[in-house]
Amino acid sequence: MGLTILFLGVALWWAGHLWKRAAPAHRARMGERGRGVASVLLLASVLLMIWGYRAADPGMPVWVLGEWARHLNNLLVLIAFYIFGIGMAKGALSQRVRHPMLTGFALWAFAHLLLRGDAAGIILFGGLGVWAVVAIVAINRAEATWTPPAPKGGARRDAAAGGVVLVTYGITGWVHGLLGPWPFG
């Protein structure tokens, strides 16, 4: 039952995020009410993913990597947080990555997939990672040309983002340890 709930949560995540791209006329007709519907879908998806993942019997792992994978995961997650953050920092690096938030999210999902080679991990992290890649492809098809956003502060903003990312990474790791496995050793 847990895997079914988890799968439903991932499917709602996809639906809430891709609705605007898959059915733009339908989404546009709903106007502001559509934003509320999308928000409810996304909140429900997160709750279902948490519930389903915790309730899932993961079954036999498809792969199990050594202790080194946890360290690689932590490094990749830190890099993913930074890539995600440069989109908000709008420094010099935001000129180089078209989809920093989706790219960071995809890397985060891949990093977790390295550690969680069981059914629940594959559904959750694999499903979310594939969603991020599909979203990038969908955006690129709809908007073939890309004009980088105007930078606001250059490399100084990128460096400041690094500090914010380190603090966010530490807090996220601490919360992760409260809710699940301790990620740092």
N, C-alpha and C. Protein backbone atom coordinates (compact mmCIF):
# COMPACT_ATOMS: atom_id res chain seq x y z
N MET A 1 0.83 -1.20 0.00
CA MET A 1 0.00 0.00 0.00
C MET A 1 0.86 1.26 0.00
N GLY A 2 1.99 1.22 0.75
CA GLY A 2 2.86 2.39 0.83
C GLY A 2 3.44 2.78 -0.51
N LEU A 3 3.83 1.79 -1.32
CA LEU A 3 4.39 2.11 -2.63
C LEU A 3 3.34 2.74 -3.54
N THR A 4 2.10 2.30 -3.42
CA THR A 4 1.01 2.88 -4.22
C THR A 4 0.80 4.34 -3.83
N ILE A 5 0.79 4.62 -2.54
CA ILE A 5 0.62 6.00 -2.06
C ILE A 5 1.80 6.85 -2.51
N LEU A 6 3.00 6.30 -2.43
CA LEU A 6 4.20 7.01 -2.88
C LEU A 6 4.11 7.32 -4.37
N PHE A 7 3.71 6.34 -5.16
CA PHE A 7 3.58 6.54 -6.60
C PHE A 7 2.53 7.62 -6.90
N LEU A 8 1.43 7.60 -6.19
CA LEU A 8 0.39 8.62 -6.36
C LEU A 8 0.93 10.00 -6.02
N GLY A 9 1.72 10.10 -4.95
CA GLY A 9 2.33 11.38 -4.58
C GLY A 9 3.26 11.91 -5.67
N VAL A 10 4.08 11.04 -6.23
CA VAL A 10 4.99 11.45 -7.31
C VAL A 10 4.18 11.86 -8.54
N ALA A 11 3.12 11.11 -8.85
CA ALA A 11 2.27 11.45 -10.00
C ALA A 11 1.60 12.81 -9.80
N LEU A 12 1.14 13.10 -8.59
CA LEU A 12 0.53 14.42 -8.34
C LEU A 12 1.58 15.53 -8.45
N TRP A 13 2.81 15.25 -8.04
CA TRP A 13 3.90 16.23 -8.19
C TRP A 13 4.07 16.57 -9.68
N TRP A 14 4.13 15.53 -10.50
CA TRP A 14 4.24 15.73 -11.94
C TRP A 14 3.05 16.56 -12.46
N ALA A 15 1.85 16.17 -12.07
CA ALA A 15 0.64 16.84 -12.55
C ALA A 15 0.62 18.31 -12.14
N GLY A 16 0.92 18.57 -10.89
CA GLY A 16 0.91 19.95 -10.40
C GLY A 16 1.92 20.84 -11.09
N HIS A 17 3.09 20.29 -11.41
CA HIS A 17 4.13 21.08 -12.04
C HIS A 17 4.00 21.16 -13.56
N LEU A 18 3.51 20.12 -14.19
CA LEU A 18 3.47 20.10 -15.66
C LEU A 18 2.11 20.48 -16.24
N TRP A 19 1.13 20.73 -15.39
CA TRP A 19 -0.21 21.08 -15.85
C TRP A 19 -0.17 22.29 -16.79
N LYS A 20 0.57 23.30 -16.41
CA LYS A 20 0.66 24.53 -17.20
C LYS A 20 1.26 24.26 -18.58
N ARG A 21 2.21 23.33 -18.67
CA ARG A 21 2.85 23.01 -19.95
C ARG A 21 2.02 22.03 -20.77
N ALA A 22 1.39 21.06 -20.10
CA ALA A 22 0.65 20.02 -20.82
C ALA A 22 -0.72 20.50 -21.29
N ALA A 23 -1.36 21.36 -20.53
CA ALA A 23 -2.71 21.84 -20.87
C ALA A 23 -2.78 23.35 -20.61
N PRO A 24 -2.01 24.14 -21.38
CA PRO A 24 -1.94 25.58 -21.09
C PRO A 24 -3.29 26.29 -21.21
N ALA A 25 -4.12 25.89 -22.17
CA ALA A 25 -5.42 26.57 -22.33
C ALA A 25 -6.31 26.30 -21.11
N HIS A 26 -6.33 25.06 -20.67
CA HIS A 26 -7.14 24.71 -19.50
C HIS A 26 -6.66 25.46 -18.27
N ARG A 27 -5.34 25.49 -18.09
CA ARG A 27 -4.76 26.18 -16.93
C ARG A 27 -5.04 27.68 -17.00
N ALA A 28 -4.93 28.27 -18.19
CA ALA A 28 -5.16 29.70 -18.37
C ALA A 28 -6.61 30.07 -18.09
N ARG A 29 -7.56 29.22 -18.49
CA ARG A 29 -8.98 29.50 -18.25
C ARG A 29 -9.29 29.59 -16.76
N MET A 30 -8.53 28.88 -15.95
CA MET A 30 -8.78 28.89 -14.50
C MET A 30 -8.23 30.14 -13.83
N GLY A 31 -7.33 30.85 -14.49
CA GLY A 31 -6.79 32.08 -13.93
C GLY A 31 -6.12 31.86 -12.58
N GLU A 32 -6.37 32.78 -11.66
CA GLU A 32 -5.76 32.71 -10.33
C GLU A 32 -6.21 31.47 -9.56
N ARG A 33 -7.44 31.02 -9.81
CA ARG A 33 -7.93 29.82 -9.15
C ARG A 33 -7.06 28.62 -9.49
N GLY A 34 -6.48 28.62 -10.70
CA GLY A 34 -5.60 27.54 -11.13
C GLY A 34 -4.34 27.46 -10.28
N ARG A 35 -3.84 28.62 -9.85
CA ARG A 35 -2.66 28.63 -8.96
C ARG A 35 -2.99 27.94 -7.64
N GLY A 36 -4.18 28.21 -7.14
CA GLY A 36 -4.60 27.57 -5.89
C GLY A 36 -4.74 26.07 -6.05
N VAL A 37 -5.32 25.65 -7.16
CA VAL A 37 -5.46 24.22 -7.43
C VAL A 37 -4.09 23.56 -7.53
N ALA A 38 -3.17 24.20 -8.26
CA ALA A 38 -1.82 23.66 -8.39
C ALA A 38 -1.13 23.58 -7.02
N SER A 39 -1.31 24.58 -6.20
CA SER A 39 -0.71 24.58 -4.86
C SER A 39 -1.25 23.44 -4.01
N VAL A 40 -2.55 23.21 -4.08
CA VAL A 40 -3.16 22.12 -3.32
C VAL A 40 -2.64 20.77 -3.84
N LEU A 41 -2.54 20.62 -5.15
CA LEU A 41 -1.99 19.39 -5.73
C LEU A 41 -0.58 19.14 -5.22
N LEU A 42 0.25 20.19 -5.21
CA LEU A 42 1.64 20.03 -4.79
C LEU A 42 1.75 19.74 -3.30
N LEU A 43 0.95 20.39 -2.48
CA LEU A 43 0.96 20.09 -1.05
C LEU A 43 0.52 18.65 -0.82
N ALA A 44 -0.55 18.25 -1.49
CA ALA A 44 -1.02 16.85 -1.36
C ALA A 44 0.05 15.88 -1.83
N SER A 45 0.76 16.24 -2.89
CA SER A 45 1.79 15.34 -3.41
C SER A 45 2.91 15.15 -2.40
N VAL A 46 3.35 16.23 -1.77
CA VAL A 46 4.42 16.12 -0.77
C VAL A 46 3.95 15.27 0.42
N LEU A 47 2.74 15.50 0.89
CA LEU A 47 2.22 14.72 2.01
C LEU A 47 2.10 13.24 1.65
N LEU A 48 1.62 12.95 0.44
CA LEU A 48 1.51 11.56 0.00
C LEU A 48 2.89 10.92 -0.18
N MET A 49 3.87 11.68 -0.68
CA MET A 49 5.21 11.12 -0.84
C MET A 49 5.82 10.79 0.52
N ILE A 50 5.64 11.66 1.49
CA ILE A 50 6.18 11.40 2.84
C ILE A 50 5.48 10.17 3.43
N TRP A 51 4.18 10.16 3.39
CA TRP A 51 3.41 9.05 3.94
C TRP A 51 3.76 7.74 3.23
N GLY A 52 3.75 7.77 1.91
CA GLY A 52 4.03 6.56 1.14
C GLY A 52 5.44 6.05 1.35
N TYR A 53 6.41 6.95 1.40
CA TYR A 53 7.80 6.53 1.58
C TYR A 53 8.00 5.90 2.96
N ARG A 54 7.40 6.50 3.97
CA ARG A 54 7.54 5.96 5.33
C ARG A 54 6.79 4.64 5.49
N ALA A 55 5.68 4.47 4.76
CA ALA A 55 4.87 3.26 4.88
C ALA A 55 5.32 2.14 3.96
N ALA A 56 6.17 2.45 3.02
CA ALA A 56 6.55 1.47 2.00
C ALA A 56 7.44 0.37 2.56
N ASP A 57 7.17 -0.82 2.11
CA ASP A 57 8.10 -1.93 2.34
C ASP A 57 9.03 -1.90 1.14
N PRO A 58 10.26 -1.46 1.35
CA PRO A 58 11.14 -1.24 0.20
C PRO A 58 11.48 -2.51 -0.57
N GLY A 59 11.35 -3.66 0.06
CA GLY A 59 11.67 -4.90 -0.64
C GLY A 59 13.16 -5.07 -0.83
N MET A 60 13.52 -5.97 -1.68
CA MET A 60 14.92 -6.28 -1.95
C MET A 60 15.55 -5.15 -2.75
N PRO A 61 16.70 -4.63 -2.31
CA PRO A 61 17.34 -3.56 -3.07
C PRO A 61 17.80 -4.04 -4.45
N VAL A 62 17.66 -3.17 -5.42
CA VAL A 62 18.15 -3.44 -6.76
C VAL A 62 19.67 -3.25 -6.79
N TRP A 63 20.15 -2.29 -6.02
CA TRP A 63 21.60 -2.07 -5.87
C TRP A 63 21.90 -1.57 -4.47
N VAL A 64 23.09 -1.90 -4.00
CA VAL A 64 23.60 -1.41 -2.72
C VAL A 64 25.05 -1.02 -2.97
N LEU A 65 25.35 0.24 -2.76
CA LEU A 65 26.71 0.72 -2.95
C LEU A 65 27.39 0.80 -1.58
N GLY A 66 28.69 0.90 -1.59
CA GLY A 66 29.45 0.93 -0.34
C GLY A 66 29.30 2.24 0.41
N GLU A 67 30.02 2.31 1.53
CA GLU A 67 30.01 3.50 2.38
C GLU A 67 30.43 4.75 1.63
N TRP A 68 31.29 4.59 0.62
CA TRP A 68 31.75 5.72 -0.16
C TRP A 68 30.59 6.47 -0.82
N ALA A 69 29.49 5.75 -1.10
CA ALA A 69 28.36 6.37 -1.80
C ALA A 69 27.71 7.44 -0.94
N ARG A 70 27.73 7.26 0.39
CA ARG A 70 27.14 8.28 1.27
C ARG A 70 27.93 9.58 1.17
N HIS A 71 29.25 9.46 1.10
CA HIS A 71 30.09 10.65 0.97
C HIS A 71 29.88 11.32 -0.39
N LEU A 72 29.78 10.50 -1.44
CA LEU A 72 29.50 11.04 -2.77
C LEU A 72 28.14 11.72 -2.79
N ASN A 73 27.15 11.09 -2.16
CA ASN A 73 25.82 11.68 -2.07
C ASN A 73 25.89 13.05 -1.42
N ASN A 74 26.59 13.16 -0.29
CA ASN A 74 26.67 14.44 0.42
C ASN A 74 27.33 15.50 -0.44
N LEU A 75 28.38 15.13 -1.16
CA LEU A 75 29.05 16.09 -2.04
C LEU A 75 28.12 16.51 -3.18
N LEU A 76 27.45 15.56 -3.81
CA LEU A 76 26.54 15.89 -4.91
C LEU A 76 25.36 16.73 -4.42
N VAL A 77 24.86 16.46 -3.23
CA VAL A 77 23.75 17.27 -2.69
C VAL A 77 24.22 18.69 -2.43
N LEU A 78 25.42 18.85 -1.90
CA LEU A 78 25.97 20.19 -1.69
C LEU A 78 26.10 20.94 -3.02
N ILE A 79 26.60 20.28 -4.04
CA ILE A 79 26.71 20.88 -5.37
C ILE A 79 25.31 21.20 -5.91
N ALA A 80 24.37 20.29 -5.71
CA ALA A 80 22.99 20.51 -6.17
C ALA A 80 22.38 21.74 -5.49
N PHE A 81 22.62 21.89 -4.19
CA PHE A 81 22.12 23.06 -3.47
C PHE A 81 22.73 24.33 -4.07
N TYR A 82 24.01 24.29 -4.40
CA TYR A 82 24.65 25.48 -4.96
C TYR A 82 24.09 25.81 -6.33
N ILE A 83 23.95 24.80 -7.18
CA ILE A 83 23.38 25.03 -8.52
C ILE A 83 21.97 25.60 -8.38
N PHE A 84 21.18 25.02 -7.49
CA PHE A 84 19.83 25.52 -7.23
C PHE A 84 19.89 26.98 -6.79
N GLY A 85 20.83 27.29 -5.90
CA GLY A 85 20.94 28.63 -5.33
C GLY A 85 21.38 29.71 -6.29
N ILE A 86 22.18 29.35 -7.31
CA ILE A 86 22.63 30.38 -8.23
C ILE A 86 21.48 30.97 -9.03
N GLY A 87 20.41 30.21 -9.15
CA GLY A 87 19.23 30.75 -9.82
C GLY A 87 18.61 31.89 -9.06
N MET A 88 18.67 31.82 -7.74
CA MET A 88 18.12 32.89 -6.91
C MET A 88 19.12 34.02 -6.70
N ALA A 89 20.42 33.68 -6.69
CA ALA A 89 21.46 34.69 -6.45
C ALA A 89 21.60 35.65 -7.63
N LYS A 90 21.34 35.15 -8.83
CA LYS A 90 21.43 35.96 -10.06
C LYS A 90 22.80 36.64 -10.21
N GLY A 91 23.85 35.90 -9.88
CA GLY A 91 25.22 36.39 -10.05
C GLY A 91 25.74 36.01 -11.42
N ALA A 92 27.05 35.94 -11.55
CA ALA A 92 27.68 35.63 -12.83
C ALA A 92 27.34 34.22 -13.32
N LEU A 93 27.24 33.26 -12.40
CA LEU A 93 26.96 31.88 -12.82
C LEU A 93 25.55 31.70 -13.36
N SER A 94 24.63 32.56 -12.98
CA SER A 94 23.26 32.44 -13.50
C SER A 94 23.22 32.69 -15.00
N GLN A 95 24.29 33.23 -15.54
CA GLN A 95 24.39 33.47 -16.98
C GLN A 95 24.74 32.19 -17.74
N ARG A 96 25.19 31.17 -17.02
CA ARG A 96 25.72 29.96 -17.66
C ARG A 96 24.77 28.76 -17.60
N VAL A 97 23.84 28.76 -16.65
CA VAL A 97 22.94 27.62 -16.46
C VAL A 97 21.51 28.08 -16.71
N ARG A 98 20.89 27.49 -17.72
CA ARG A 98 19.54 27.94 -18.09
C ARG A 98 18.50 27.57 -17.03
N HIS A 99 18.60 26.41 -16.47
CA HIS A 99 17.59 25.93 -15.51
C HIS A 99 18.27 25.52 -14.21
N PRO A 100 18.80 26.47 -13.45
CA PRO A 100 19.56 26.08 -12.26
C PRO A 100 18.74 25.34 -11.21
N MET A 101 17.50 25.73 -11.01
CA MET A 101 16.70 25.07 -9.98
C MET A 101 16.36 23.64 -10.38
N LEU A 102 15.95 23.45 -11.62
CA LEU A 102 15.63 22.10 -12.08
C LEU A 102 16.89 21.24 -12.18
N THR A 103 17.99 21.83 -12.61
CA THR A 103 19.25 21.09 -12.69
C THR A 103 19.71 20.66 -11.30
N GLY A 104 19.66 21.58 -10.35
CA GLY A 104 20.02 21.25 -8.98
C GLY A 104 19.10 20.19 -8.40
N PHE A 105 17.82 20.29 -8.70
CA PHE A 105 16.85 19.31 -8.21
C PHE A 105 17.14 17.93 -8.79
N ALA A 106 17.44 17.87 -10.10
CA ALA A 106 17.75 16.60 -10.74
C ALA A 106 19.00 15.98 -10.14
N LEU A 107 20.02 16.79 -9.86
CA LEU A 107 21.24 16.28 -9.25
C LEU A 107 20.96 15.79 -7.82
N TRP A 108 20.15 16.50 -7.07
CA TRP A 108 19.75 16.07 -5.73
C TRP A 108 19.07 14.70 -5.80
N ALA A 109 18.15 14.53 -6.74
CA ALA A 109 17.44 13.25 -6.88
C ALA A 109 18.40 12.14 -7.25
N PHE A 110 19.32 12.40 -8.19
CA PHE A 110 20.30 11.39 -8.59
C PHE A 110 21.18 10.99 -7.41
N ALA A 111 21.63 11.96 -6.63
CA ALA A 111 22.48 11.68 -5.47
C ALA A 111 21.76 10.76 -4.49
N HIS A 112 20.49 11.01 -4.24
CA HIS A 112 19.74 10.17 -3.32
C HIS A 112 19.46 8.80 -3.92
N LEU A 113 19.28 8.75 -5.22
CA LEU A 113 19.05 7.48 -5.89
C LEU A 113 20.26 6.56 -5.76
N LEU A 114 21.46 7.13 -5.69
CA LEU A 114 22.66 6.31 -5.47
C LEU A 114 22.55 5.49 -4.18
N LEU A 115 21.98 6.10 -3.15
CA LEU A 115 21.90 5.45 -1.84
C LEU A 115 20.66 4.59 -1.67
N ARG A 116 19.61 4.92 -2.37
CA ARG A 116 18.33 4.26 -2.15
C ARG A 116 17.94 3.44 -3.37
N GLY A 117 18.58 2.28 -3.52
CA GLY A 117 18.33 1.41 -4.67
C GLY A 117 17.21 0.42 -4.44
N ASP A 118 16.29 0.74 -3.55
CA ASP A 118 15.13 -0.12 -3.31
C ASP A 118 13.91 0.45 -4.05
N ALA A 119 12.82 -0.26 -4.00
CA ALA A 119 11.63 0.16 -4.76
C ALA A 119 11.16 1.56 -4.36
N ALA A 120 11.10 1.83 -3.06
CA ALA A 120 10.63 3.14 -2.61
C ALA A 120 11.57 4.25 -3.08
N GLY A 121 12.87 4.02 -3.00
CA GLY A 121 13.84 5.02 -3.45
C GLY A 121 13.77 5.25 -4.94
N ILE A 122 13.60 4.16 -5.69
CA ILE A 122 13.53 4.29 -7.15
C ILE A 122 12.28 5.07 -7.56
N ILE A 123 11.16 4.77 -6.92
CA ILE A 123 9.92 5.50 -7.25
C ILE A 123 10.06 6.97 -6.86
N LEU A 124 10.52 7.25 -5.64
CA LEU A 124 10.59 8.63 -5.17
C LEU A 124 11.67 9.42 -5.90
N PHE A 125 12.91 9.01 -5.74
CA PHE A 125 14.01 9.82 -6.29
C PHE A 125 14.13 9.68 -7.80
N GLY A 126 13.86 8.48 -8.31
CA GLY A 126 13.86 8.31 -9.76
C GLY A 126 12.73 9.10 -10.41
N GLY A 127 11.54 9.02 -9.80
CA GLY A 127 10.39 9.75 -10.35
C GLY A 127 10.58 11.25 -10.33
N LEU A 128 11.13 11.76 -9.23
CA LEU A 128 11.36 13.21 -9.14
C LEU A 128 12.49 13.65 -10.06
N GLY A 129 13.54 12.84 -10.18
CA GLY A 129 14.64 13.19 -11.08
C GLY A 129 14.20 13.20 -12.53
N VAL A 130 13.43 12.20 -12.93
CA VAL A 130 12.92 12.17 -14.31
C VAL A 130 12.00 13.36 -14.54
N TRP A 131 11.18 13.71 -13.54
CA TRP A 131 10.31 14.89 -13.69
C TRP A 131 11.14 16.14 -14.00
N ALA A 132 12.25 16.33 -13.27
CA ALA A 132 13.06 17.53 -13.48
C ALA A 132 13.62 17.57 -14.89
N VAL A 133 14.07 16.42 -15.40
CA VAL A 133 14.61 16.37 -16.77
C VAL A 133 13.49 16.61 -17.79
N VAL A 134 12.33 16.01 -17.58
CA VAL A 134 11.19 16.23 -18.48
C VAL A 134 10.78 17.71 -18.47
N ALA A 135 10.79 18.32 -17.30
CA ALA A 135 10.44 19.74 -17.20
C ALA A 135 11.43 20.60 -17.98
N ILE A 136 12.71 20.29 -17.88
CA ILE A 136 13.73 21.04 -18.64
C ILE A 136 13.48 20.90 -20.13
N VAL A 137 13.23 19.68 -20.58
CA VAL A 137 12.98 19.44 -22.01
C VAL A 137 11.71 20.18 -22.46
N ALA A 138 10.66 20.12 -21.65
CA ALA A 138 9.40 20.78 -22.01
C ALA A 138 9.58 22.29 -22.11
N ILE A 139 10.31 22.88 -21.18
CA ILE A 139 10.55 24.33 -21.23
C ILE A 139 11.39 24.68 -22.45
N ASN A 140 12.42 23.90 -22.71
CA ASN A 140 13.29 24.18 -23.86
C ASN A 140 12.54 24.07 -25.18
N ARG A 141 11.61 23.12 -25.26
CA ARG A 141 10.81 23.00 -26.49
C ARG A 141 9.86 24.18 -26.66
N ALA A 142 9.25 24.60 -25.56
CA ALA A 142 8.29 25.71 -25.62
C ALA A 142 8.98 27.05 -25.82
N GLU A 143 10.18 27.18 -25.28
CA GLU A 143 10.93 28.43 -25.36
C GLU A 143 12.33 28.11 -25.86
N ALA A 144 12.45 27.96 -27.18
CA ALA A 144 13.71 27.49 -27.77
C ALA A 144 14.88 28.44 -27.53
N THR A 145 14.62 29.72 -27.53
CA THR A 145 15.72 30.67 -27.31
C THR A 145 15.75 31.07 -25.84
N TRP A 146 16.95 31.35 -25.37
CA TRP A 146 17.13 31.72 -23.97
C TRP A 146 18.00 32.95 -23.89
N THR A 147 17.51 33.94 -23.19
CA THR A 147 18.31 35.11 -22.88
C THR A 147 18.62 35.05 -21.40
N PRO A 148 19.91 34.94 -21.04
CA PRO A 148 20.25 34.87 -19.62
C PRO A 148 19.74 36.10 -18.88
N PRO A 149 19.33 35.92 -17.62
CA PRO A 149 18.87 37.06 -16.85
C PRO A 149 20.02 38.03 -16.60
N ALA A 150 19.68 39.27 -16.41
CA ALA A 150 20.71 40.27 -16.12
C ALA A 150 21.33 39.96 -14.76
N PRO A 151 22.66 39.89 -14.70
CA PRO A 151 23.30 39.61 -13.41
C PRO A 151 23.15 40.79 -12.46
N LYS A 152 23.08 40.48 -11.18
CA LYS A 152 22.95 41.52 -10.16
C LYS A 152 24.10 41.36 -9.16
N GLY A 153 25.29 41.73 -9.55
CA GLY A 153 26.38 41.66 -8.59
C GLY A 153 27.51 40.75 -8.98
N GLY A 154 27.39 40.02 -10.08
CA GLY A 154 28.49 39.21 -10.56
C GLY A 154 28.96 38.14 -9.59
N ALA A 155 30.27 37.94 -9.57
CA ALA A 155 30.88 36.87 -8.78
C ALA A 155 30.67 37.06 -7.28
N ARG A 156 30.51 38.30 -6.83
CA ARG A 156 30.24 38.52 -5.39
C ARG A 156 28.93 37.85 -4.98
N ARG A 157 27.93 37.93 -5.82
CA ARG A 157 26.65 37.28 -5.52
C ARG A 157 26.81 35.77 -5.48
N ASP A 158 27.63 35.23 -6.40
CA ASP A 158 27.88 33.79 -6.42
C ASP A 158 28.58 33.35 -5.15
N ALA A 159 29.55 34.13 -4.68
CA ALA A 159 30.26 33.82 -3.44
C ALA A 159 29.32 33.91 -2.24
N ALA A 160 28.49 34.93 -2.21
CA ALA A 160 27.51 35.06 -1.12
C ALA A 160 26.54 33.89 -1.13
N ALA A 161 26.16 33.45 -2.33
CA ALA A 161 25.27 32.29 -2.44
C ALA A 161 25.93 31.07 -1.82
N GLY A 162 27.25 30.95 -1.98
CA GLY A 162 27.98 29.83 -1.39
C GLY A 162 27.82 29.79 0.12
N GLY A 163 27.90 30.94 0.77
CA GLY A 163 27.71 31.00 2.22
C GLY A 163 26.31 30.62 2.62
N VAL A 164 25.33 31.15 1.90
CA VAL A 164 23.93 30.84 2.20
C VAL A 164 23.68 29.34 1.99
N VAL A 165 24.25 28.79 0.93
CA VAL A 165 24.08 27.37 0.63
C VAL A 165 24.68 26.51 1.75
N LEU A 166 25.85 26.87 2.25
CA LEU A 166 26.46 26.07 3.32
C LEU A 166 25.59 26.06 4.58
N VAL A 167 25.03 27.21 4.93
CA VAL A 167 24.15 27.27 6.09
C VAL A 167 22.88 26.45 5.83
N THR A 168 22.30 26.62 4.66
CA THR A 168 21.09 25.88 4.30
C THR A 168 21.35 24.38 4.28
N TYR A 169 22.49 23.99 3.74
CA TYR A 169 22.89 22.58 3.69
C TYR A 169 23.01 22.00 5.10
N GLY A 170 23.64 22.74 5.99
CA GLY A 170 23.78 22.28 7.37
C GLY A 170 22.45 22.13 8.07
N ILE A 171 21.57 23.12 7.92
CA ILE A 171 20.25 23.06 8.55
C ILE A 171 19.43 21.92 7.95
N THR A 172 19.50 21.77 6.64
CA THR A 172 18.77 20.69 5.98
C THR A 172 19.26 19.33 6.47
N GLY A 173 20.58 19.18 6.60
CA GLY A 173 21.13 17.93 7.11
C GLY A 173 20.68 17.64 8.53
N TRP A 174 20.63 18.68 9.36
CA TRP A 174 20.18 18.52 10.74
C TRP A 174 18.71 18.07 10.78
N VAL A 175 17.85 18.74 9.98
CA VAL A 175 16.44 18.35 9.92
C VAL A 175 16.31 16.94 9.36
N HIS A 176 17.11 16.62 8.34
CA HIS A 176 17.11 15.27 7.76
C HIS A 176 17.40 14.24 8.85
N GLY A 177 18.36 14.55 9.71
CA GLY A 177 18.69 13.64 10.81
C GLY A 177 17.57 13.49 11.82
N LEU A 178 16.78 14.54 12.02
CA LEU A 178 15.64 14.45 12.94
C LEU A 178 14.52 13.58 12.36
N LEU A 179 14.34 13.67 11.04
CA LEU A 179 13.23 12.98 10.40
C LEU A 179 13.59 11.60 9.84
N GLY A 180 14.87 11.39 9.62
CA GLY A 180 15.29 10.13 9.00
C GLY A 180 16.74 9.86 9.34
N PRO A 181 17.46 9.24 8.43
CA PRO A 181 18.85 8.91 8.73
C PRO A 181 19.74 10.16 8.81
N TRP A 182 20.72 10.11 9.69
CA TRP A 182 21.68 11.19 9.84
C TRP A 182 22.62 11.15 8.64
N PRO A 183 22.70 12.23 7.85
CA PRO A 183 23.47 12.18 6.61
C PRO A 183 24.96 12.40 6.74
N PHE A 184 25.45 12.85 7.90
CA PHE A 184 26.84 13.31 7.98
C PHE A 184 27.80 12.39 8.73
N GLY A 185 27.53 11.12 8.79
CA GLY A 185 28.56 10.27 9.40
C GLY A 185 28.12 9.35 10.45
